[in-house]
Amino acid sequence: MKQDYLTYTPEDLAQEDAFLQWVRGAASANAPAWKAWLAAHPDQLEKVETARALVASVQWEVPSLGEERKKNLWNAIDAATTEAQIEQLPQRRRTMWILAAAASIALLIAAGWWWTNATVATPVIASTARKEISKKILPDGSVISMNAVSNMTYTPANWKKERTILLEGEAFFEVKKGSPFIVKTSLGQVEVLGTSFNVEAREGIFRVNCYTGKVKVTTSTGETTILTPQEGVFLQDGKLQARPISNRNDIAWQDQIHYFDNVPLAEVFAALERQYAIDVQYPAEIAKRQYAGFFKSNDLEQALQTVCWPLNLQFSVTGQQVTISANGQ
């Protein structure tokens, strides 16, 4: 790892190739190195999370703009980040909020969300911190439940004609009937008319489950499939893989219960970090071990015991730092 990462700003990190590959899941082999670096420099966690949020918000190519549209863009950013709107946020979330606002407006340009007179409609931006779950009601009465560490952006001005959401993270949607409802992520998009479904899109993970109605899923490479109730898909090696949905375990996070069906331990530890605002250190050799089970997000010690005991792992907790080790080590 570069020592001068300590002097980087969030914007510098967000342009670093090694950091981009880690955040986008393109170089999973680098994940232990970044984990170790964060463990050695816990004071850098806020900066890394800010850079991660910025990267997640700008994964679409933005076309070049004329001077008038550039002026309108910055006016929109100013409007979206006024002191009156963010003065109630903690300092850490203010920084992330402002960066997300600027990045999200850039996304709106890329998606063609411009008025014909070249002025931009101010987007609504919502985000959740670690340990936070939030419910949002959209202009048509549709409801979004956002899991921890998620970002969502939409433009209310055109909502009746174009119901489009930009998502990074995980959310459950209950959509009212009407015009097409589209959820765009960096790994693919989901389109419905009126239904309920769950989307998770973060760190190279892309999963979609349909609970009512029909859902059209399209990956960033153009692969498309239609889901009906109790059907789901996930992205593996760049291809969509089908999976049946026999229960509602995948959306039990709304009730603070988090289920896992034979996933790598690294994914479980990442979920623990989001739900408890902790940093988990663990040996690289256990990262790919499979876990099937659950944990609840209302008691950290109990959650760690639930995950570690079946796999013969030990844990220790010091403040916000959790260390996992195999028994006997």
Protein backbone atom coordinates (compact mmCIF):
# COMPACT_ATOMS: atom_id res chain seq x y z
CA MET A 1 0.00 0.00 0.00
CA LYS A 2 1.20 3.52 -0.71
CA GLN A 3 2.24 5.40 2.41
CA ASP A 4 1.16 8.69 0.85
CA TYR A 5 -2.47 7.47 0.92
CA LEU A 6 -2.37 9.05 4.37
CA THR A 7 -2.09 12.46 2.74
CA TYR A 8 -4.73 11.83 0.05
CA THR A 9 -8.03 13.68 0.07
CA PRO A 10 -11.26 11.72 -0.61
CA GLU A 11 -11.19 13.13 -4.14
CA ASP A 12 -7.60 11.88 -4.64
CA LEU A 13 -8.52 8.39 -3.42
CA ALA A 14 -11.58 8.29 -5.68
CA GLN A 15 -9.24 8.67 -8.71
CA GLU A 16 -6.66 6.08 -7.61
CA ASP A 17 -6.75 2.93 -9.79
CA ALA A 18 -6.11 0.50 -6.92
CA PHE A 19 -8.85 2.10 -4.84
CA LEU A 20 -11.31 2.09 -7.75
CA GLN A 21 -10.70 -1.61 -8.42
CA TRP A 22 -11.27 -2.45 -4.74
CA VAL A 23 -14.47 -0.42 -4.42
CA ARG A 24 -15.90 -1.75 -7.68
CA GLY A 25 -15.04 -5.35 -6.79
CA ALA A 26 -12.78 -5.76 -9.81
CA ALA A 27 -9.76 -6.82 -7.73
CA SER A 28 -11.01 -8.87 -4.80
CA ALA A 29 -7.43 -9.96 -4.09
CA ASN A 30 -6.72 -6.39 -2.98
CA ALA A 31 -9.47 -6.43 -0.34
CA PRO A 32 -7.33 -7.94 2.48
CA ALA A 33 -4.61 -5.34 1.84
CA TRP A 34 -7.09 -2.46 2.13
CA LYS A 35 -8.60 -4.06 5.25
CA ALA A 36 -5.16 -4.32 6.81
CA TRP A 37 -4.34 -0.72 5.89
CA LEU A 38 -7.57 0.53 7.46
CA ALA A 39 -6.91 -1.54 10.57
CA ALA A 40 -3.48 0.09 10.85
CA HIS A 41 -4.92 3.56 10.21
CA PRO A 42 -8.43 3.69 11.74
CA ASP A 43 -8.36 7.49 11.53
CA GLN A 44 -8.58 7.11 7.73
CA LEU A 45 -11.95 5.30 7.81
CA GLU A 46 -14.02 8.46 7.39
CA LYS A 47 -11.97 9.53 4.37
CA VAL A 48 -12.22 6.09 2.77
CA GLU A 49 -15.99 5.92 3.24
CA THR A 50 -16.37 9.39 1.72
CA ALA A 51 -14.24 8.38 -1.28
CA ARG A 52 -16.19 5.11 -1.61
CA ALA A 53 -19.50 7.02 -1.70
CA LEU A 54 -18.11 9.36 -4.34
CA VAL A 55 -16.91 6.50 -6.55
CA ALA A 56 -20.25 4.72 -6.21
CA SER A 57 -22.07 7.83 -7.40
CA VAL A 58 -20.07 8.44 -10.59
CA GLN A 59 -19.73 5.11 -12.35
CA TRP A 60 -21.48 6.29 -15.50
CA GLU A 61 -19.64 8.24 -18.17
CA VAL A 62 -20.63 11.92 -18.21
CA PRO A 63 -20.73 13.64 -21.60
CA SER A 64 -18.99 16.96 -22.26
CA LEU A 65 -21.06 20.07 -21.70
CA GLY A 66 -21.25 23.54 -23.16
CA GLU A 67 -20.46 26.53 -20.97
CA GLU A 68 -24.14 27.30 -20.38
CA ARG A 69 -24.88 23.77 -19.18
CA LYS A 70 -21.79 23.80 -16.97
CA LYS A 71 -23.10 27.00 -15.37
CA ASN A 72 -26.52 25.42 -14.87
CA LEU A 73 -24.90 22.32 -13.36
CA TRP A 74 -23.04 24.31 -10.72
CA ASN A 75 -26.13 26.34 -9.96
CA ALA A 76 -27.98 23.07 -9.35
CA ILE A 77 -25.18 21.80 -7.11
CA ASP A 78 -25.34 25.03 -5.12
CA ALA A 79 -29.11 24.64 -4.77
CA ALA A 80 -28.77 21.03 -3.67
CA THR A 81 -26.13 21.77 -1.04
CA THR A 82 -27.30 24.96 0.65
CA GLU A 83 -26.51 25.41 4.31
CA ALA A 84 -30.20 25.41 5.15
CA GLN A 85 -30.58 21.89 3.77
CA ILE A 86 -27.57 20.31 5.50
CA GLU A 87 -27.09 22.25 8.71
CA GLN A 88 -28.89 19.52 10.68
CA LEU A 89 -26.49 16.79 9.52
CA PRO A 90 -23.43 15.66 11.54
CA GLN A 91 -20.16 16.99 10.13
CA ARG A 92 -19.12 13.62 8.65
CA ARG A 93 -22.39 13.20 6.78
CA ARG A 94 -22.31 16.84 5.57
CA THR A 95 -19.12 16.12 3.61
CA MET A 96 -20.54 12.92 2.09
CA TRP A 97 -23.87 14.64 1.36
CA ILE A 98 -22.23 17.48 -0.59
CA LEU A 99 -20.06 15.07 -2.59
CA ALA A 100 -23.06 12.86 -3.33
CA ALA A 101 -25.10 15.87 -4.47
CA ALA A 102 -22.45 16.96 -6.96
CA ALA A 103 -21.90 13.42 -8.24
CA SER A 104 -25.61 12.66 -8.49
CA ILE A 105 -26.28 15.75 -10.57
CA ALA A 106 -23.48 14.62 -12.89
CA LEU A 107 -25.32 11.31 -13.20
CA LEU A 108 -28.51 13.11 -14.08
CA ILE A 109 -26.67 14.74 -16.98
CA ALA A 110 -25.44 11.37 -18.19
CA ALA A 111 -28.95 9.95 -17.98
CA GLY A 112 -30.36 12.85 -20.01
CA TRP A 113 -32.39 14.32 -17.14
CA TRP A 114 -32.23 17.87 -18.48
CA TRP A 115 -35.02 20.33 -19.20
CA THR A 116 -35.20 21.18 -22.89
CA ASN A 117 -34.22 24.78 -22.09
CA ALA A 118 -30.89 23.45 -20.67
CA THR A 119 -31.70 24.03 -17.01
CA VAL A 120 -31.44 21.15 -14.57
CA ALA A 121 -34.07 20.06 -12.06
CA THR A 122 -32.71 19.78 -8.54
CA PRO A 123 -32.57 16.13 -7.48
CA VAL A 124 -33.62 14.68 -4.16
CA ILE A 125 -30.75 12.82 -2.53
CA ALA A 126 -31.13 10.43 0.40
CA SER A 127 -28.46 8.39 2.14
CA THR A 128 -28.20 6.13 5.16
CA ALA A 129 -25.23 5.85 7.49
CA ARG A 130 -23.95 2.73 9.17
CA LYS A 131 -26.49 1.29 11.64
CA GLU A 132 -29.29 3.25 9.90
CA ILE A 133 -32.38 1.98 8.05
CA SER A 134 -34.69 4.58 6.51
CA LYS A 135 -38.03 4.60 4.70
CA LYS A 136 -38.83 7.16 1.98
CA ILE A 137 -42.15 7.93 0.28
CA LEU A 138 -41.89 8.98 -3.37
CA PRO A 139 -44.16 11.54 -5.09
CA ASP A 140 -46.52 8.83 -6.44
CA GLY A 141 -46.85 7.11 -3.06
CA SER A 142 -44.34 4.35 -3.85
CA VAL A 143 -42.21 3.43 -0.84
CA ILE A 144 -38.48 2.74 -0.58
CA SER A 145 -36.90 1.13 2.47
CA MET A 146 -33.13 1.75 2.43
CA ASN A 147 -30.66 -0.53 4.19
CA ALA A 148 -27.55 0.84 5.95
CA VAL A 149 -24.85 2.57 3.89
CA SER A 150 -27.02 3.18 0.83
CA ASN A 151 -27.53 6.19 -1.45
CA MET A 152 -30.60 7.02 -3.53
CA THR A 153 -31.22 9.89 -5.97
CA TYR A 154 -34.28 10.88 -8.00
CA THR A 155 -35.74 13.95 -9.70
CA PRO A 156 -39.30 14.81 -8.57
CA ALA A 157 -39.95 17.37 -11.35
CA ASN A 158 -40.33 14.69 -14.07
CA TRP A 159 -41.62 11.96 -11.77
CA LYS A 160 -45.00 11.36 -13.43
CA LYS A 161 -43.35 10.73 -16.81
CA GLU A 162 -40.04 9.22 -15.73
CA ARG A 163 -39.87 7.37 -12.42
CA THR A 164 -36.13 6.70 -12.23
CA ILE A 165 -34.00 6.05 -9.15
CA LEU A 166 -30.21 5.92 -8.95
CA LEU A 167 -29.17 3.42 -6.26
CA GLU A 168 -25.94 2.38 -4.60
CA GLY A 169 -26.45 -0.06 -1.73
CA GLU A 170 -29.62 -1.99 -0.93
CA ALA A 171 -33.30 -1.08 -0.91
CA PHE A 172 -36.74 -2.70 -0.92
CA PHE A 173 -39.32 -1.12 -3.24
CA GLU A 174 -43.11 -1.13 -3.09
CA VAL A 175 -44.11 0.49 -6.36
CA LYS A 176 -47.48 1.98 -7.23
CA LYS A 177 -48.85 1.26 -10.69
CA GLY A 178 -48.11 3.88 -13.30
CA SER A 179 -45.37 4.72 -15.80
CA PRO A 180 -42.27 2.50 -15.91
CA PHE A 181 -40.31 2.56 -12.67
CA ILE A 182 -36.55 2.14 -13.20
CA VAL A 183 -33.80 1.54 -10.66
CA LYS A 184 -30.35 2.20 -12.10
CA THR A 185 -27.15 0.88 -10.53
CA SER A 186 -23.55 0.65 -11.70
CA LEU A 187 -23.97 -3.09 -12.40
CA GLY A 188 -27.39 -3.11 -14.04
CA GLN A 189 -30.92 -1.76 -13.90
CA VAL A 190 -34.36 -2.99 -12.88
CA GLU A 191 -37.62 -1.92 -14.58
CA VAL A 192 -41.17 -2.51 -13.35
CA LEU A 193 -44.69 -1.08 -13.67
CA GLY A 194 -46.12 -1.85 -10.24
CA THR A 195 -44.64 -4.43 -7.91
CA SER A 196 -42.51 -5.09 -4.84
CA PHE A 197 -38.87 -6.12 -5.16
CA ASN A 198 -35.47 -5.89 -3.50
CA VAL A 199 -32.25 -4.66 -5.11
CA GLU A 200 -28.74 -4.94 -3.69
CA ALA A 201 -25.91 -3.34 -5.67
CA ARG A 202 -22.66 -2.73 -3.84
CA GLU A 203 -18.97 -3.73 -4.04
CA GLY A 204 -19.43 -5.99 -7.06
CA ILE A 205 -22.62 -7.59 -5.67
CA PHE A 206 -25.81 -7.33 -7.74
CA ARG A 207 -28.94 -9.18 -6.58
CA VAL A 208 -32.61 -8.69 -7.45
CA ASN A 209 -35.60 -10.49 -5.92
CA CYS A 210 -39.20 -10.17 -7.12
CA TYR A 211 -42.04 -10.59 -4.60
CA THR A 212 -45.10 -9.32 -6.53
CA GLY A 213 -45.73 -8.32 -10.15
CA LYS A 214 -43.00 -8.57 -12.79
CA VAL A 215 -39.45 -7.23 -12.84
CA LYS A 216 -37.18 -6.70 -15.84
CA VAL A 217 -33.48 -6.91 -14.98
CA THR A 218 -30.78 -5.68 -17.37
CA THR A 219 -27.07 -5.89 -16.60
CA SER A 220 -24.49 -3.29 -17.57
CA THR A 221 -23.43 -5.65 -20.39
CA GLY A 222 -26.96 -5.83 -21.81
CA GLU A 223 -28.08 -9.26 -20.55
CA THR A 224 -31.83 -9.18 -19.77
CA THR A 225 -34.27 -11.39 -17.90
CA ILE A 226 -37.84 -11.15 -16.58
CA LEU A 227 -38.64 -12.12 -12.99
CA THR A 228 -42.04 -13.14 -11.65
CA PRO A 229 -43.01 -13.55 -7.97
CA GLN A 230 -40.66 -15.74 -5.90
CA GLU A 231 -37.90 -15.49 -8.50
CA GLY A 232 -34.52 -13.86 -8.07
CA VAL A 233 -31.22 -13.39 -9.89
CA PHE A 234 -27.67 -12.54 -8.92
CA LEU A 235 -24.59 -11.58 -10.91
CA GLN A 236 -21.76 -14.12 -10.93
CA ASP A 237 -18.72 -13.88 -13.20
CA GLY A 238 -20.53 -11.25 -15.26
CA LYS A 239 -23.60 -13.45 -15.91
CA LEU A 240 -27.05 -13.50 -14.31
CA GLN A 241 -27.78 -16.64 -12.31
CA ALA A 242 -31.35 -17.60 -11.32
CA ARG A 243 -32.35 -18.46 -7.77
CA PRO A 244 -35.80 -19.31 -6.37
CA ILE A 245 -37.18 -17.21 -3.51
CA SER A 246 -38.97 -19.51 -1.08
CA ASN A 247 -39.30 -17.04 1.79
CA ARG A 248 -38.78 -13.37 2.67
CA ASN A 249 -35.42 -13.84 4.40
CA ASP A 250 -33.64 -11.55 1.94
CA ILE A 251 -35.77 -8.59 3.04
CA ALA A 252 -35.80 -9.41 6.76
CA TRP A 253 -33.16 -6.67 7.13
CA GLN A 254 -36.13 -4.31 7.44
CA ASP A 255 -36.77 -6.04 10.78
CA GLN A 256 -33.07 -6.01 11.75
CA ILE A 257 -32.47 -9.67 10.83
CA HIS A 258 -29.84 -10.42 8.20
CA TYR A 259 -29.86 -13.83 6.49
CA PHE A 260 -27.07 -15.36 4.39
CA ASP A 261 -27.28 -18.37 2.09
CA ASN A 262 -23.79 -19.85 1.63
CA VAL A 263 -21.91 -16.61 1.04
CA PRO A 264 -18.22 -15.82 1.72
CA LEU A 265 -17.47 -14.72 5.28
CA ALA A 266 -16.03 -11.48 3.89
CA GLU A 267 -19.57 -10.54 2.80
CA VAL A 268 -20.95 -11.32 6.26
CA PHE A 269 -18.25 -9.26 7.98
CA ALA A 270 -18.96 -6.34 5.62
CA ALA A 271 -22.64 -6.52 6.61
CA LEU A 272 -21.67 -6.51 10.30
CA GLU A 273 -19.57 -3.40 9.69
CA ARG A 274 -22.52 -1.61 8.06
CA GLN A 275 -25.07 -2.60 10.68
CA TYR A 276 -22.93 -1.92 13.77
CA ALA A 277 -20.58 0.87 12.59
CA ILE A 278 -17.53 -1.25 13.44
CA ASP A 279 -14.30 -2.28 11.71
CA VAL A 280 -13.77 -6.05 11.47
CA GLN A 281 -10.26 -7.48 11.14
CA TYR A 282 -9.86 -11.11 10.12
CA PRO A 283 -7.24 -13.39 8.52
CA ALA A 284 -7.31 -13.42 4.74
CA GLU A 285 -7.48 -17.23 4.72
CA ILE A 286 -10.99 -17.27 6.23
CA ALA A 287 -12.47 -14.59 3.94
CA LYS A 288 -13.78 -17.13 1.41
CA ARG A 289 -15.17 -19.63 3.92
CA GLN A 290 -18.90 -20.08 3.34
CA TYR A 291 -21.52 -19.03 5.88
CA ALA A 292 -25.20 -19.98 6.00
CA GLY A 293 -27.16 -18.39 8.81
CA PHE A 294 -28.19 -15.01 10.15
CA PHE A 295 -27.46 -12.30 12.69
CA LYS A 296 -29.58 -9.61 14.31
CA SER A 297 -28.54 -5.97 14.35
CA ASN A 298 -29.60 -5.15 17.92
CA ASP A 299 -26.80 -6.80 19.93
CA LEU A 300 -23.20 -6.88 18.67
CA GLU A 301 -21.89 -9.58 21.02
CA GLN A 302 -24.80 -11.87 20.19
CA ALA A 303 -24.41 -11.22 16.45
CA LEU A 304 -20.70 -12.08 16.55
CA GLN A 305 -21.41 -15.22 18.57
CA THR A 306 -24.07 -16.29 16.07
CA VAL A 307 -21.67 -15.95 13.14
CA CYS A 308 -18.44 -17.19 14.75
CA TRP A 309 -19.49 -20.14 16.89
CA PRO A 310 -20.68 -22.48 14.07
CA LEU A 311 -17.38 -21.90 12.22
CA ASN A 312 -15.16 -22.41 15.29
CA LEU A 313 -13.97 -18.80 15.23
CA GLN A 314 -13.07 -16.52 18.12
CA PHE A 315 -13.68 -12.79 18.38
CA SER A 316 -12.67 -9.89 20.58
CA VAL A 317 -14.17 -6.41 20.75
CA THR A 318 -12.23 -3.25 21.61
CA GLY A 319 -14.32 -0.14 21.16
CA GLN A 320 -15.39 -0.12 17.50
CA GLN A 321 -12.69 -2.62 16.53
CA VAL A 322 -13.55 -6.34 16.18
CA THR A 323 -10.86 -8.96 15.67
CA ILE A 324 -11.75 -12.43 14.34
CA SER A 325 -9.41 -15.40 14.59
CA ALA A 326 -9.58 -19.16 14.18
CA ASN A 327 -9.57 -21.14 17.42
CA GLY A 328 -6.04 -22.05 18.43
CA GLN A 329 -4.46 -19.02 16.72
